[in-house]
Each structure stands twice: as structure tokens, then as C-alpha cells.
Amino acid sequence: MNFEFVAPALRRLSGRYLAFPLIALSLALQASTVSIAKTKHSPSASLPDPGYASALAAANRFLQAWQNQDHETGLLMLSDVAKQASSEDRLEAFFAAGHDAAYEIARGKKIKAGCYAFPVALFTSVNGISDAARPQRSQIVVVRAGEGDWAIDKLP
């Protein structure tokens, strides 16, 4: 609220006339507090399930390997399904993103127990020329591969 205009008006009011604006202001503050409380979600409803953060961390590690052109680390993180679905040539081309490669991971969603999909945008550079104007938009699917282990089940 802008008090530059309210303060002089309050100074002009005195006695019983001062009570009305103060009561009105008090009621307005209470009403806004009630409406804010009604629109907030419960904390437990907005928190992702316990596996979400681990799956997101795995997606981030995999994309860091992609960004750094670290084929070995990236290949170790692939599930058997992802390895079988991709040829060696495709994997080689995938990990050759260029020196200025970058990525964005958006909020993911749980597909089923132990399986999450994260929308991603991959920014590549070919022969030193950045292709930032046209990022490749896709999704990365991360699955639980054991106790505390996650694997990439679908490449972006």
C-alpha cells in the first residue's frame, strides 16, 4: 500500500473519524490473509516423492557427461533398454555435442513407480558454431536400476 497518500489523510482525521479507516484497513488485511491461506497448498502436496530428487540428480549427471563429451560415464549410466535401442553410431553422434554444448532440465513427472520423465532442451555446437537458436527439445527418462541406483532408459 502506498502510505504517501494515506498518511496525510490520516493526519487530517481525528477522533472518531480516524477509527473508520483503521477498521477498514484491518478488515482488508484480514480478508487478504484468509484468501492467501485458502489458496496455498499443503506442504506435503507440493513435495515430490522421495525418488524424484535422486532421479533428477541422475538426469543431471548424465547430461553433464553429454555436455563434457564423456562417452564412458554416459554409457555406464544407460539402461540395457537404452543401449539396445541405440546404435553405436547414434551414441557416438549424441556425445559429440560440441564445445559450447549446454542443456536445460525442466520439472519432471513421475510416470510410474521408479520411473521419471524430464523435459530437456539440448543446445549444441557443430564445428564451433553454436546452434543455440534451435535447441533440440526432448525428454530424458530415468528408471530405478537398483537400491539407490538410477539409469537412463531413454535418450533425449
C-alpha atoms as a PDB file:
ATOM      1  CA  MET A   1       0.000   0.000   0.000  1.00  0.00           C
ATOM      2  CA  ASN A   2       1.284   3.493  -0.794  1.00  0.00           C
ATOM      3  CA  PHE A   3       1.458   5.346   2.532  1.00  0.00           C
ATOM      4  CA  GLU A   4       2.468   8.686   0.933  1.00  0.00           C
ATOM      5  CA  PHE A   5      -1.194   9.370   0.212  1.00  0.00           C
ATOM      6  CA  VAL A   6      -2.697   7.640   3.247  1.00  0.00           C
ATOM      7  CA  ALA A   7      -0.581   9.314   5.958  1.00  0.00           C
ATOM      8  CA  PRO A   8      -1.690  12.940   5.205  1.00  0.00           C
ATOM      9  CA  ALA A   9      -5.315  11.829   5.085  1.00  0.00           C
ATOM     10  CA  LEU A  10      -4.965  10.091   8.448  1.00  0.00           C
ATOM     11  CA  ARG A  11      -3.409  13.208   9.969  1.00  0.00           C
ATOM     12  CA  ARG A  12      -6.400  15.277   8.856  1.00  0.00           C
ATOM     13  CA  LEU A  13      -8.739  12.819  10.530  1.00  0.00           C
ATOM     14  CA  SER A  14      -9.011  12.866  14.270  1.00  0.00           C
ATOM     15  CA  GLY A  15     -11.073  11.331  16.999  1.00  0.00           C
ATOM     16  CA  ARG A  16     -13.952   9.153  15.914  1.00  0.00           C
ATOM     17  CA  TYR A  17     -13.307   9.722  12.163  1.00  0.00           C
ATOM     18  CA  LEU A  18      -9.885   8.049  12.470  1.00  0.00           C
ATOM     19  CA  ALA A  19     -11.455   4.804  13.598  1.00  0.00           C
ATOM     20  CA  PHE A  20     -13.298   4.115  10.333  1.00  0.00           C
ATOM     21  CA  PRO A  21     -10.206   3.992   8.046  1.00  0.00           C
ATOM     22  CA  LEU A  22      -8.331   1.901  10.615  1.00  0.00           C
ATOM     23  CA  ILE A  23     -11.190  -0.589  10.898  1.00  0.00           C
ATOM     24  CA  ALA A  24     -11.498  -0.772   7.095  1.00  0.00           C
ATOM     25  CA  LEU A  25      -7.756  -1.338   6.739  1.00  0.00           C
ATOM     26  CA  SER A  26      -7.820  -4.029   9.410  1.00  0.00           C
ATOM     27  CA  LEU A  27     -10.695  -5.866   7.721  1.00  0.00           C
ATOM     28  CA  ALA A  28      -8.965  -5.656   4.336  1.00  0.00           C
ATOM     29  CA  LEU A  29      -5.773  -7.161   5.779  1.00  0.00           C
ATOM     30  CA  GLN A  30      -7.718  -9.984   7.430  1.00  0.00           C
ATOM     31  CA  ALA A  31      -9.578 -10.759   4.206  1.00  0.00           C
ATOM     32  CA  SER A  32      -6.349 -10.887   2.189  1.00  0.00           C
ATOM     33  CA  THR A  33      -4.734 -13.166   4.786  1.00  0.00           C
ATOM     34  CA  VAL A  34      -7.699 -15.544   4.669  1.00  0.00           C
ATOM     35  CA  SER A  35      -7.680 -15.656   0.851  1.00  0.00           C
ATOM     36  CA  ILE A  36      -3.922 -16.313   0.784  1.00  0.00           C
ATOM     37  CA  ALA A  37      -4.297 -19.119   3.329  1.00  0.00           C
ATOM     38  CA  LYS A  38      -7.072 -20.712   1.255  1.00  0.00           C
ATOM     39  CA  THR A  39      -5.026 -20.675  -1.969  1.00  0.00           C
ATOM     40  CA  LYS A  40      -1.850 -22.176  -0.505  1.00  0.00           C
ATOM     41  CA  HIS A  41      -1.417 -25.894  -0.970  1.00  0.00           C
ATOM     42  CA  SER A  42      -0.462 -28.082   1.894  1.00  0.00           C
ATOM     43  CA  PRO A  43       3.316 -28.541   2.091  1.00  0.00           C
ATOM     44  CA  SER A  44       3.083 -32.301   1.618  1.00  0.00           C
ATOM     45  CA  ALA A  45       1.017 -31.918  -1.575  1.00  0.00           C
ATOM     46  CA  SER A  46       3.683 -29.853  -3.337  1.00  0.00           C
ATOM     47  CA  LEU A  47       6.649 -32.015  -2.354  1.00  0.00           C
ATOM     48  CA  PRO A  48       7.737 -34.639  -4.876  1.00  0.00           C
ATOM     49  CA  ASP A  49       8.080 -38.199  -3.716  1.00  0.00           C
ATOM     50  CA  PRO A  50      11.456 -39.295  -2.280  1.00  0.00           C
ATOM     51  CA  GLY A  51      12.788 -40.781  -5.536  1.00  0.00           C
ATOM     52  CA  TYR A  52      12.293 -37.590  -7.539  1.00  0.00           C
ATOM     53  CA  ALA A  53      15.447 -35.809  -6.343  1.00  0.00           C
ATOM     54  CA  SER A  54      17.606 -38.899  -6.952  1.00  0.00           C
ATOM     55  CA  ALA A  55      16.193 -39.339 -10.442  1.00  0.00           C
ATOM     56  CA  LEU A  56      16.731 -35.638 -11.206  1.00  0.00           C
ATOM     57  CA  ALA A  57      20.327 -35.895  -9.972  1.00  0.00           C
ATOM     58  CA  ALA A  58      20.907 -38.884 -12.257  1.00  0.00           C
ATOM     59  CA  ALA A  59      19.476 -36.997 -15.245  1.00  0.00           C
ATOM     60  CA  ASN A  60      21.731 -34.059 -14.413  1.00  0.00           C
ATOM     61  CA  ARG A  61      24.855 -36.285 -14.138  1.00  0.00           C
ATOM     62  CA  PHE A  62      24.057 -37.909 -17.474  1.00  0.00           C
ATOM     63  CA  LEU A  63      23.590 -34.556 -19.201  1.00  0.00           C
ATOM     64  CA  GLN A  64      26.827 -33.289 -17.641  1.00  0.00           C
ATOM     65  CA  ALA A  65      28.553 -36.290 -19.212  1.00  0.00           C
ATOM     66  CA  TRP A  66      26.900 -35.381 -22.523  1.00  0.00           C
ATOM     67  CA  GLN A  67      27.978 -31.744 -22.170  1.00  0.00           C
ATOM     68  CA  ASN A  68      31.581 -32.753 -21.391  1.00  0.00           C
ATOM     69  CA  GLN A  69      31.571 -35.345 -24.189  1.00  0.00           C
ATOM     70  CA  ASP A  70      32.338 -38.007 -21.572  1.00  0.00           C
ATOM     71  CA  HIS A  71      31.201 -41.083 -23.529  1.00  0.00           C
ATOM     72  CA  GLU A  72      32.352 -43.567 -20.882  1.00  0.00           C
ATOM     73  CA  THR A  73      30.390 -42.037 -17.998  1.00  0.00           C
ATOM     74  CA  GLY A  74      27.339 -41.553 -20.197  1.00  0.00           C
ATOM     75  CA  LEU A  75      27.394 -45.127 -21.484  1.00  0.00           C
ATOM     76  CA  LEU A  76      27.735 -46.515 -17.959  1.00  0.00           C
ATOM     77  CA  MET A  77      24.554 -44.680 -16.979  1.00  0.00           C
ATOM     78  CA  LEU A  78      22.430 -46.164 -19.780  1.00  0.00           C
ATOM     79  CA  SER A  79      19.965 -48.956 -19.054  1.00  0.00           C
ATOM     80  CA  ASP A  80      20.094 -52.121 -21.140  1.00  0.00           C
ATOM     81  CA  VAL A  81      16.917 -50.983 -22.909  1.00  0.00           C
ATOM     82  CA  ALA A  82      18.524 -47.680 -23.940  1.00  0.00           C
ATOM     83  CA  LYS A  83      21.713 -49.411 -25.101  1.00  0.00           C
ATOM     84  CA  GLN A  84      19.745 -51.851 -27.240  1.00  0.00           C
ATOM     85  CA  ALA A  85      17.609 -49.075 -28.723  1.00  0.00           C
ATOM     86  CA  SER A  86      20.641 -47.037 -29.853  1.00  0.00           C
ATOM     87  CA  SER A  87      23.301 -47.934 -32.359  1.00  0.00           C
ATOM     88  CA  GLU A  88      26.956 -47.232 -31.649  1.00  0.00           C
ATOM     89  CA  ASP A  89      26.936 -44.565 -34.369  1.00  0.00           C
ATOM     90  CA  ARG A  90      23.961 -42.798 -32.776  1.00  0.00           C
ATOM     91  CA  LEU A  91      25.599 -42.878 -29.335  1.00  0.00           C
ATOM     92  CA  GLU A  92      28.849 -41.547 -30.798  1.00  0.00           C
ATOM     93  CA  ALA A  93      26.990 -38.704 -32.521  1.00  0.00           C
ATOM     94  CA  PHE A  94      24.946 -37.990 -29.388  1.00  0.00           C
ATOM     95  CA  PHE A  95      28.048 -37.495 -27.232  1.00  0.00           C
ATOM     96  CA  ALA A  96      29.710 -35.255 -29.842  1.00  0.00           C
ATOM     97  CA  ALA A  97      27.658 -32.196 -28.896  1.00  0.00           C
ATOM     98  CA  GLY A  98      30.441 -29.676 -29.351  1.00  0.00           C
ATOM     99  CA  HIS A  99      32.498 -27.387 -27.177  1.00  0.00           C
ATOM    100  CA  ASP A 100      29.659 -24.980 -26.290  1.00  0.00           C
ATOM    101  CA  ALA A 101      27.064 -27.652 -25.520  1.00  0.00           C
ATOM    102  CA  ALA A 102      24.533 -26.744 -22.842  1.00  0.00           C
ATOM    103  CA  TYR A 103      21.279 -28.131 -21.509  1.00  0.00           C
ATOM    104  CA  GLU A 104      18.181 -27.215 -19.555  1.00  0.00           C
ATOM    105  CA  ILE A 105      16.156 -29.634 -17.465  1.00  0.00           C
ATOM    106  CA  ALA A 106      12.536 -28.745 -16.706  1.00  0.00           C
ATOM    107  CA  ARG A 107      10.392 -30.079 -13.887  1.00  0.00           C
ATOM    108  CA  GLY A 108       9.865 -33.786 -14.363  1.00  0.00           C
ATOM    109  CA  LYS A 109       6.934 -36.032 -13.710  1.00  0.00           C
ATOM    110  CA  LYS A 110       6.543 -39.491 -12.308  1.00  0.00           C
ATOM    111  CA  ILE A 111       5.486 -41.929 -14.998  1.00  0.00           C
ATOM    112  CA  LYS A 112       5.186 -44.906 -12.656  1.00  0.00           C
ATOM    113  CA  ALA A 113       6.952 -46.194  -9.563  1.00  0.00           C
ATOM    114  CA  GLY A 114      10.693 -45.756 -10.058  1.00  0.00           C
ATOM    115  CA  CYS A 115      10.367 -44.036 -13.438  1.00  0.00           C
ATOM    116  CA  TYR A 116      10.516 -40.291 -14.184  1.00  0.00           C
ATOM    117  CA  ALA A 117      10.492 -38.224 -17.365  1.00  0.00           C
ATOM    118  CA  PHE A 118      12.248 -34.845 -17.522  1.00  0.00           C
ATOM    119  CA  PRO A 119      11.743 -32.416 -20.410  1.00  0.00           C
ATOM    120  CA  VAL A 120      15.118 -31.210 -21.676  1.00  0.00           C
ATOM    121  CA  ALA A 121      16.464 -28.729 -24.195  1.00  0.00           C
ATOM    122  CA  LEU A 122      19.876 -29.516 -25.657  1.00  0.00           C
ATOM    123  CA  PHE A 123      21.966 -26.712 -27.119  1.00  0.00           C
ATOM    124  CA  THR A 124      24.733 -27.961 -29.395  1.00  0.00           C
ATOM    125  CA  SER A 125      27.519 -26.532 -31.471  1.00  0.00           C
ATOM    126  CA  VAL A 126      28.856 -28.052 -34.648  1.00  0.00           C
ATOM    127  CA  ASN A 127      32.289 -27.055 -35.942  1.00  0.00           C
ATOM    128  CA  GLY A 128      32.463 -24.289 -33.331  1.00  0.00           C
ATOM    129  CA  ILE A 129      29.182 -22.726 -34.480  1.00  0.00           C
ATOM    130  CA  SER A 130      26.549 -22.588 -31.742  1.00  0.00           C
ATOM    131  CA  ASP A 131      23.084 -23.789 -32.619  1.00  0.00           C
ATOM    132  CA  ALA A 132      21.520 -22.037 -29.609  1.00  0.00           C
ATOM    133  CA  ALA A 133      18.696 -20.546 -31.677  1.00  0.00           C
ATOM    134  CA  ARG A 134      17.274 -24.022 -32.288  1.00  0.00           C
ATOM    135  CA  PRO A 135      17.634 -26.218 -29.201  1.00  0.00           C
ATOM    136  CA  GLN A 136      16.675 -29.856 -29.519  1.00  0.00           C
ATOM    137  CA  ARG A 137      13.680 -30.357 -27.231  1.00  0.00           C
ATOM    138  CA  SER A 138      13.054 -33.836 -25.964  1.00  0.00           C
ATOM    139  CA  GLN A 139      12.771 -35.753 -22.737  1.00  0.00           C
ATOM    140  CA  ILE A 140      15.037 -37.988 -20.751  1.00  0.00           C
ATOM    141  CA  VAL A 141      13.549 -40.997 -18.945  1.00  0.00           C
ATOM    142  CA  VAL A 142      15.233 -42.145 -15.752  1.00  0.00           C
ATOM    143  CA  VAL A 143      14.455 -45.514 -14.112  1.00  0.00           C
ATOM    144  CA  ARG A 144      15.447 -47.081 -10.826  1.00  0.00           C
ATOM    145  CA  ALA A 145      18.158 -49.646 -11.544  1.00  0.00           C
ATOM    146  CA  GLY A 146      18.638 -50.906  -8.003  1.00  0.00           C
ATOM    147  CA  GLU A 147      18.841 -49.630  -4.464  1.00  0.00           C
ATOM    148  CA  GLY A 148      19.989 -46.019  -4.838  1.00  0.00           C
ATOM    149  CA  ASP A 149      20.986 -46.505  -8.498  1.00  0.00           C
ATOM    150  CA  TRP A 150      19.322 -44.859 -11.460  1.00  0.00           C
ATOM    151  CA  ALA A 151      19.750 -45.446 -15.181  1.00  0.00           C
ATOM    152  CA  ILE A 152      18.837 -43.510 -18.290  1.00  0.00           C
ATOM    153  CA  ASP A 153      16.175 -45.519 -20.083  1.00  0.00           C
ATOM    154  CA  LYS A 154      15.510 -43.134 -22.972  1.00  0.00           C
ATOM    155  CA  LEU A 155      17.972 -40.740 -24.541  1.00  0.00           C
ATOM    156  CA  PRO A 156      16.849 -37.219 -25.386  1.00  0.00           C
END
